Protein backbone atom coordinates (compact mmCIF):
# COMPACT_ATOMS: atom_id res chain seq x y z
CA MET A 1 7.35 24.17 -87.87
CA GLU A 2 4.19 25.11 -86.75
CA GLY A 3 3.67 21.69 -85.32
CA PHE A 4 6.96 21.72 -83.75
CA ALA A 5 6.11 25.86 -82.48
CA MET A 6 2.91 24.02 -80.95
CA GLY A 7 4.84 21.64 -79.12
CA ALA A 8 7.37 23.85 -77.87
CA VAL A 9 4.29 25.84 -76.14
CA THR A 10 2.40 23.33 -74.86
CA LYS A 11 5.48 21.77 -73.18
CA ALA A 12 6.65 25.26 -71.67
CA VAL A 13 2.68 25.59 -70.38
CA GLY A 14 2.95 22.00 -69.22
CA SER A 15 6.21 23.55 -67.65
CA VAL A 16 4.83 26.28 -66.30
CA GLY A 17 1.88 24.13 -64.97
CA THR A 18 3.91 21.54 -63.43
CA LYS A 19 5.65 24.43 -61.18
CA GLU A 20 2.66 26.02 -60.26
CA ARG A 21 1.62 22.19 -58.93
CA GLU A 22 4.83 21.88 -57.23
CA ARG A 23 5.00 24.84 -55.39
CA ALA A 24 1.16 24.55 -54.74
CA GLN A 25 1.89 21.10 -52.94
CA ALA A 26 4.78 22.37 -50.88
CA GLY A 27 2.63 25.39 -49.56
CA ALA A 28 0.18 22.73 -48.53
CA ARG A 29 2.57 20.61 -46.96
CA LEU A 30 4.11 23.54 -45.15
CA GLU A 31 0.48 24.54 -44.19
CA SER A 32 -0.29 21.20 -42.99
CA ALA A 33 2.96 20.87 -41.07
CA LYS A 34 1.63 24.33 -39.05
CA PRO A 35 -0.92 23.56 -36.19
CA SER A 36 -4.10 24.79 -36.77
CA GLU A 37 -6.28 27.18 -35.00
CA ALA A 38 -9.05 24.08 -34.54
CA LEU A 39 -6.00 21.93 -33.33
CA LYS A 40 -4.73 24.67 -30.92
CA ALA A 41 -8.22 24.93 -29.45
CA LYS A 42 -8.69 21.59 -28.81
CA THR A 43 -5.76 20.57 -27.56
CA THR A 44 -6.37 23.53 -25.30
CA THR A 45 -9.65 22.25 -24.36
CA GLU A 46 -8.44 19.00 -23.54
CA THR A 47 -5.94 20.15 -21.43
CA ILE A 48 -8.31 22.11 -19.45
CA ALA A 49 -11.01 19.10 -19.06
CA GLU A 50 -7.66 17.09 -18.15
CA TRP A 51 -6.47 19.19 -15.14
CA MET A 52 -9.87 21.10 -14.13
CA PRO A 53 -11.05 18.19 -11.60
CA LEU A 54 -8.12 18.38 -9.57
CA ILE A 55 -8.09 22.37 -9.41
CA VAL A 56 -11.70 23.04 -8.56
CA LEU A 57 -12.46 19.93 -6.15
CA PRO A 58 -9.64 21.05 -3.79
CA VAL A 59 -10.81 24.32 -4.23
CA ALA A 60 -14.82 23.31 -3.26
CA ALA A 61 -13.37 21.68 -0.37
CA MET A 62 -11.48 24.20 1.30
CA ALA A 63 -14.74 26.63 0.20
CA MET A 64 -16.63 23.80 2.53
CA GLN A 65 -13.92 23.91 5.85
CA ALA A 66 -16.09 26.45 7.91
CA ARG A 67 -19.10 23.99 7.68
CA LEU A 68 -17.62 20.68 8.86
CA ALA A 69 -15.73 18.95 11.58
CA ARG A 70 -11.90 18.84 11.06
CA TRP A 71 -12.29 15.19 10.35
CA GLU A 72 -14.78 15.74 7.86
CA PHE A 73 -12.88 18.39 6.19
CA MET A 74 -9.81 15.69 6.35
CA TRP A 75 -12.07 13.21 4.50
CA VAL A 76 -13.48 15.65 1.76
CA LEU A 77 -10.19 17.19 1.00
CA ALA A 78 -8.39 13.79 1.09
CA GLY A 79 -11.61 12.57 -1.63
CA ALA A 80 -11.39 16.00 -3.45
CA ILE A 81 -7.43 15.38 -4.51
CA TYR A 82 -7.83 11.58 -5.28
CA SER A 83 -10.79 12.22 -7.17
CA GLY A 84 -8.88 14.60 -9.47
CA CYS A 85 -5.75 12.91 -9.87
CA LYS A 86 -8.01 9.95 -10.60
CA TRP A 87 -9.72 11.60 -13.23
CA GLU A 88 -6.17 12.92 -14.86
CA THR A 89 -4.76 9.53 -14.84
CA TRP A 90 -7.96 8.25 -16.81
CA PHE A 91 -8.30 11.08 -19.18
CA ARG A 92 -4.59 10.80 -20.07
CA ALA A 93 -5.07 7.32 -21.18
CA ARG A 94 -6.79 8.72 -24.65
CA ALA A 95 -6.01 5.34 -26.45
CA GLU A 96 -6.77 2.89 -23.95
CA ARG A 97 -10.31 4.31 -22.27
CA ALA A 98 -11.23 4.65 -26.24
CA ARG A 99 -10.93 1.09 -26.55
CA ALA A 100 -12.23 0.40 -23.04
CA SER A 101 -15.51 -0.45 -22.16
CA PHE A 102 -17.74 1.92 -20.44
CA ALA A 103 -18.13 -0.19 -17.52
CA ARG A 104 -14.11 -0.84 -17.35
CA SER A 105 -13.94 3.27 -16.99
CA ILE A 106 -16.60 3.45 -14.65
CA GLY A 107 -14.58 0.67 -12.43
CA TYR A 108 -11.45 2.23 -12.63
CA LEU A 109 -12.70 5.79 -11.52
CA LEU A 110 -15.00 4.38 -8.68
CA LEU A 111 -14.05 0.74 -7.76
CA TRP A 112 -10.32 1.03 -7.87
CA PRO A 113 -7.59 2.63 -6.01
CA GLY A 114 -4.61 2.72 -8.35
CA MET A 115 -3.31 5.31 -10.60
CA ASP A 116 -2.18 3.10 -13.81
CA ALA A 117 -5.25 3.58 -15.78
CA ALA A 118 -3.81 2.55 -19.03
CA ARG A 119 -2.94 -0.74 -17.26
CA PHE A 120 -6.35 -1.42 -15.84
CA LEU A 121 -8.35 -0.29 -18.99
CA GLU A 122 -6.62 -2.50 -21.45
CA GLY A 123 -4.67 -4.94 -19.77
CA GLU A 124 -5.78 -8.38 -19.40
CA ARG A 125 -4.23 -10.28 -16.38
CA ARG A 126 -2.58 -13.43 -17.53
CA GLY A 127 -1.51 -16.83 -15.33
CA PRO A 128 -4.02 -18.52 -12.74
CA ARG A 129 -6.79 -17.08 -10.61
CA PRO A 130 -6.38 -15.95 -7.41
CA SER A 131 -5.79 -18.71 -4.81
CA GLY A 132 -8.33 -19.33 -1.82
CA ARG A 133 -5.44 -18.14 0.31
CA ALA A 134 -5.01 -14.99 -1.57
CA TRP A 135 -8.37 -14.39 -0.61
CA ALA A 136 -8.58 -15.56 2.49
CA GLY A 137 -5.27 -13.45 3.64
CA ALA A 138 -6.96 -10.24 2.58
CA ALA A 139 -10.14 -10.92 4.35
CA ALA A 140 -7.92 -11.53 7.37
CA LYS A 141 -6.32 -8.44 7.30
CA THR A 142 -9.61 -6.55 6.60
CA ALA A 143 -11.36 -8.14 9.66
CA CYS A 144 -8.41 -7.38 11.63
CA GLY A 145 -8.13 -3.73 10.52
CA ILE A 146 -11.72 -3.14 11.57
CA LEU A 147 -11.13 -4.97 14.78
CA ILE A 148 -8.80 -2.44 15.89
CA VAL A 149 -10.60 0.75 14.88
CA THR A 150 -13.77 -1.22 16.47
CA LEU A 151 -11.69 -1.48 19.86
CA ILE A 152 -10.35 2.18 19.70
CA ALA A 153 -14.06 3.78 18.43
CA ARG A 154 -15.81 1.91 21.16
CA ARG A 155 -13.63 3.09 24.40
CA ALA A 156 -14.84 6.21 26.31
CA PRO A 157 -13.65 9.66 24.17
CA GLY A 158 -11.78 10.99 26.79
CA THR A 159 -9.67 8.03 27.38
CA ASN A 160 -8.25 7.93 24.37
CA GLY A 161 -5.05 9.63 23.82
CA LEU A 162 -1.89 9.83 21.08
CA PHE A 163 -1.19 6.48 21.89
CA ALA A 164 -5.01 5.18 20.94
CA GLY A 165 -4.91 7.56 17.99
CA TRP A 166 -2.05 6.01 16.52
CA ALA A 167 -3.08 2.42 16.93
CA GLY A 168 -6.43 3.49 15.60
CA MET A 169 -4.62 4.80 12.18
CA ILE A 170 -2.63 1.52 11.70
CA GLY A 171 -5.93 -0.32 12.44
CA LEU A 172 -7.31 1.81 9.47
CA VAL A 173 -4.49 1.32 6.77
CA ILE A 174 -4.47 -2.58 7.64
CA ALA A 175 -8.33 -2.57 6.98
CA LEU A 176 -8.02 -0.22 3.82
CA HIS A 177 -4.96 -0.40 2.03
CA PHE A 178 -3.73 -3.96 2.95
CA GLY A 179 -7.17 -5.46 3.07
CA ALA A 180 -10.18 -3.97 1.61
CA PHE A 181 -7.82 -2.54 -1.51
CA HIS A 182 -6.33 -6.15 -1.67
CA LEU A 183 -9.65 -7.82 -2.00
CA LEU A 184 -10.76 -5.26 -4.48
CA ALA A 185 -7.47 -6.26 -6.57
CA LEU A 186 -8.04 -10.06 -6.81
CA ALA A 187 -12.03 -9.16 -7.54
CA TRP A 188 -10.68 -7.37 -10.33
CA GLN A 189 -8.11 -10.16 -11.27
CA ARG A 190 -10.49 -12.93 -11.30
CA ALA A 191 -12.46 -10.76 -13.65
CA GLY A 192 -9.56 -10.95 -15.86
CA ILE A 193 -8.18 -7.25 -15.53
CA ASN A 194 -4.72 -6.55 -14.65
CA ALA A 195 -5.14 -4.72 -11.50
CA ALA A 196 -2.29 -5.08 -9.26
CA THR A 197 -2.12 -4.73 -5.45
CA ILE A 198 -1.42 -1.43 -4.20
CA MET A 199 0.75 -2.38 -0.99
CA ARG A 200 3.20 -4.95 -1.82
CA SER A 201 4.27 -6.82 1.27
CA PRO A 202 6.50 -3.41 2.18
CA LEU A 203 8.21 -5.21 5.64
CA ARG A 204 9.86 -7.30 3.25
CA ALA A 205 11.82 -4.37 1.45
CA GLY A 206 15.34 -4.82 1.61
CA SER A 207 16.10 -1.09 1.14
CA LEU A 208 14.45 2.07 1.40
CA SER A 209 14.40 2.80 -2.40
CA GLU A 210 12.68 -0.64 -2.63
CA PHE A 211 10.31 0.28 0.27
CA TRP A 212 9.24 3.12 -1.57
CA GLY A 213 9.55 2.57 -5.66
CA LYS A 214 8.24 -0.78 -5.62
CA ARG A 215 6.32 -1.74 -2.35
CA TRP A 216 4.36 1.20 -0.61
CA ASN A 217 1.14 2.46 -1.83
CA MET A 218 2.07 1.80 -5.66
CA GLY A 219 -0.86 3.88 -6.57
CA PHE A 220 0.55 7.25 -5.92
CA ARG A 221 3.93 6.05 -6.45
CA GLN A 222 2.76 5.44 -10.43
CA LEU A 223 1.11 8.77 -10.16
CA SER A 224 4.20 10.62 -8.63
CA HIS A 225 6.81 9.13 -11.10
CA ARG A 226 4.99 9.84 -14.18
CA ARG A 227 3.96 13.22 -13.37
CA VAL A 228 6.77 14.67 -11.31
CA TYR A 229 9.90 12.36 -11.23
CA GLU A 230 10.31 11.73 -15.02
CA PRO A 231 9.47 15.36 -16.11
CA ALA A 232 12.46 16.34 -13.37
CA ARG A 233 14.63 13.83 -14.45
CA ALA A 234 14.65 14.81 -17.78
CA ARG A 235 15.55 18.50 -16.90
CA TRP A 236 17.86 18.50 -13.87
CA GLY A 237 18.75 14.89 -13.70
CA SER A 238 18.02 11.98 -11.49
CA GLY A 239 18.98 13.57 -8.15
CA ALA A 240 16.90 16.42 -8.12
CA ALA A 241 14.05 14.37 -9.55
CA VAL A 242 13.65 12.08 -6.57
CA MET A 243 13.91 14.86 -4.17
CA ALA A 244 11.27 16.36 -6.31
CA ALA A 245 9.06 13.72 -6.02
CA PHE A 246 8.82 13.10 -2.34
CA ALA A 247 8.47 16.77 -1.86
CA ALA A 248 5.44 16.76 -4.22
CA SER A 249 4.26 13.98 -1.84
CA GLY A 250 5.17 15.94 1.28
CA ILE A 251 3.33 18.74 0.07
CA VAL A 252 -0.12 16.72 -0.77
CA HIS A 253 0.39 14.93 2.49
CA ASP A 254 0.34 18.58 4.43
CA ALA A 255 -2.42 19.87 2.69
CA VAL A 256 -4.81 16.60 4.03
CA ILE A 257 -2.87 16.31 7.23
CA SER A 258 -2.02 19.63 8.56
CA ILE A 259 -4.67 21.91 7.47
CA PRO A 260 -7.68 19.85 8.89
CA ALA A 261 -5.19 19.98 11.89
CA GLY A 262 -4.83 23.83 11.92
CA ALA A 263 -1.43 23.06 12.86
CA GLY A 264 2.12 20.93 12.18
CA TYR A 265 2.86 22.59 8.73
CA GLY A 266 5.38 21.65 6.81
CA LEU A 267 5.89 18.39 9.20
CA PRO A 268 5.02 15.71 6.77
CA THR A 269 7.20 17.42 3.89
CA ALA A 270 10.07 17.52 5.98
CA TYR A 271 9.21 13.95 6.50
CA PHE A 272 9.44 13.22 3.07
CA LEU A 273 12.20 15.35 2.35
CA LEU A 274 14.35 13.19 5.03
CA GLN A 275 12.94 9.97 2.80
CA GLY A 276 14.39 11.42 -0.56
CA ALA A 277 17.49 12.12 1.24
CA GLY A 278 17.92 8.89 3.07
CA VAL A 279 17.38 7.28 -1.17
CA LEU A 280 20.00 9.57 -1.92
CA PHE A 281 22.12 8.15 0.60
CA GLU A 282 21.40 4.96 0.04
CA ARG A 283 22.81 5.00 -3.84
CA SER A 284 25.72 7.06 -2.74
CA ALA A 285 29.15 5.73 -1.99
CA ALA A 286 28.43 5.74 1.60
CA GLY A 287 25.95 3.87 1.45
CA ALA A 288 27.17 1.01 -0.77
CA ARG A 289 30.44 0.99 1.92
CA LEU A 290 28.18 0.85 4.76
CA GLY A 291 25.98 -1.85 2.99
CA ILE A 292 22.67 -0.48 3.17
CA ARG A 293 21.12 -1.32 0.03
CA THR A 294 20.63 -4.56 0.38
CA GLY A 295 19.90 -7.63 3.43
CA ILE A 296 19.68 -6.80 7.08
CA ARG A 297 21.51 -3.78 6.76
CA GLY A 298 19.44 -2.16 4.33
CA TRP A 299 16.33 -3.43 6.03
CA LEU A 300 17.22 -2.15 8.98
CA PHE A 301 18.20 1.03 7.10
CA ALA A 302 14.51 1.22 5.58
CA LEU A 303 12.79 0.56 9.03
CA VAL A 304 14.53 3.16 10.73
CA CYS A 305 14.17 6.28 8.00
CA THR A 306 10.27 5.10 7.63
CA ALA A 307 9.68 4.47 11.29
CA ALA A 308 11.35 6.97 13.44
CA PRO A 309 10.40 9.98 11.61
CA ALA A 310 6.98 9.13 11.29
CA TYR A 311 5.73 11.44 14.35
CA TRP A 312 6.37 14.35 12.04
CA LEU A 313 4.00 12.64 9.19
CA PHE A 314 0.95 12.06 11.41
CA HIS A 315 1.86 14.70 14.10
CA PRO A 316 0.08 15.16 17.65
CA ALA A 317 -2.09 17.90 16.19
CA PHE A 318 -3.22 15.66 13.58
CA VAL A 319 -3.94 12.72 15.67
CA THR A 320 -5.54 14.63 19.06
CA ARG A 321 -7.69 17.09 16.64
CA VAL A 322 -8.38 15.15 13.63
CA MET A 323 -8.59 11.47 13.90
CA LEU A 324 -9.17 11.14 17.40
CA PRO A 325 -12.80 12.80 17.31
CA PHE A 326 -13.51 10.54 13.99
CA PHE A 327 -12.58 7.40 15.94
CA ALA A 328 -14.88 8.99 18.75
CA THR A 329 -17.91 9.69 16.23
CA LEU A 330 -17.24 5.86 14.60
CA GLY A 331 -17.94 4.93 18.15
CA GLY A 332 -20.75 6.76 18.82
CA LEU A 333 -22.62 5.37 15.66
CA ALA A 334 -21.70 1.56 16.71
CA ARG A 335 -23.44 2.25 20.16
């Protein structure tokens, strides 16, 4: 009996101990499921670190406006916004930048205009190295753009008007976006890094959607798609997301174009909202009936939508107050 009693007591005590352990383990699981204060603080710190440059740098640029020429302020503000976006994309790619070398991170931040950090930091290019033809084409576009800018810059300042300003801007885009940035892409590809070109033959776009979604300035497109389009689509649907992405692009361009010019506010935003409306119309039943989603009709629709209202994007105040003085300064340096 004594042995039986002792066994019963031992079993009871063991049962109580087991239940206590189970309750303790369940409590520990509940505690582990709750985010700790340290984790919350870390998350907040990372969020601040990720977004702070995109806030601080443009504000610092705005504070310098009174001490700079209009064209100087334009480049400073554009550089501030670009640098803030660049940092955000790099900081957000936590896993990729943790595995990437320091040299590759520096290359992405300082020597690559694209905004796809994950692809650049980790992706390895597959396939043959860039051909000599690709190198020659990129070099030719760079030289052609520089030649156009030089011809405009060397003209007497008083003889340049809107046409000359537009010609100079086209030359600048050819030299940078189509030329120098293509050379950078080829150099990184030769080094084995997955750096896709920013401009992808936009004149070959068979529709307005293809122009903006797959061919024109893919660096900014990647950023706006991830940070604006995808969250807006999840909340409001694809139509509203398209307009939100184009509106964000318009606001950025308005900041870099209209603020330095001190006029034309809202015109760049209106230009991009028109592009968004054009994309939605192209995808509609009416667009399908008109046949503007592909082929020559699609190409013409894209051309009209992008080129005809370009006067809103680079409005006369920007051309005359910002770009012409910039070209005149370049001309003075070349003499």
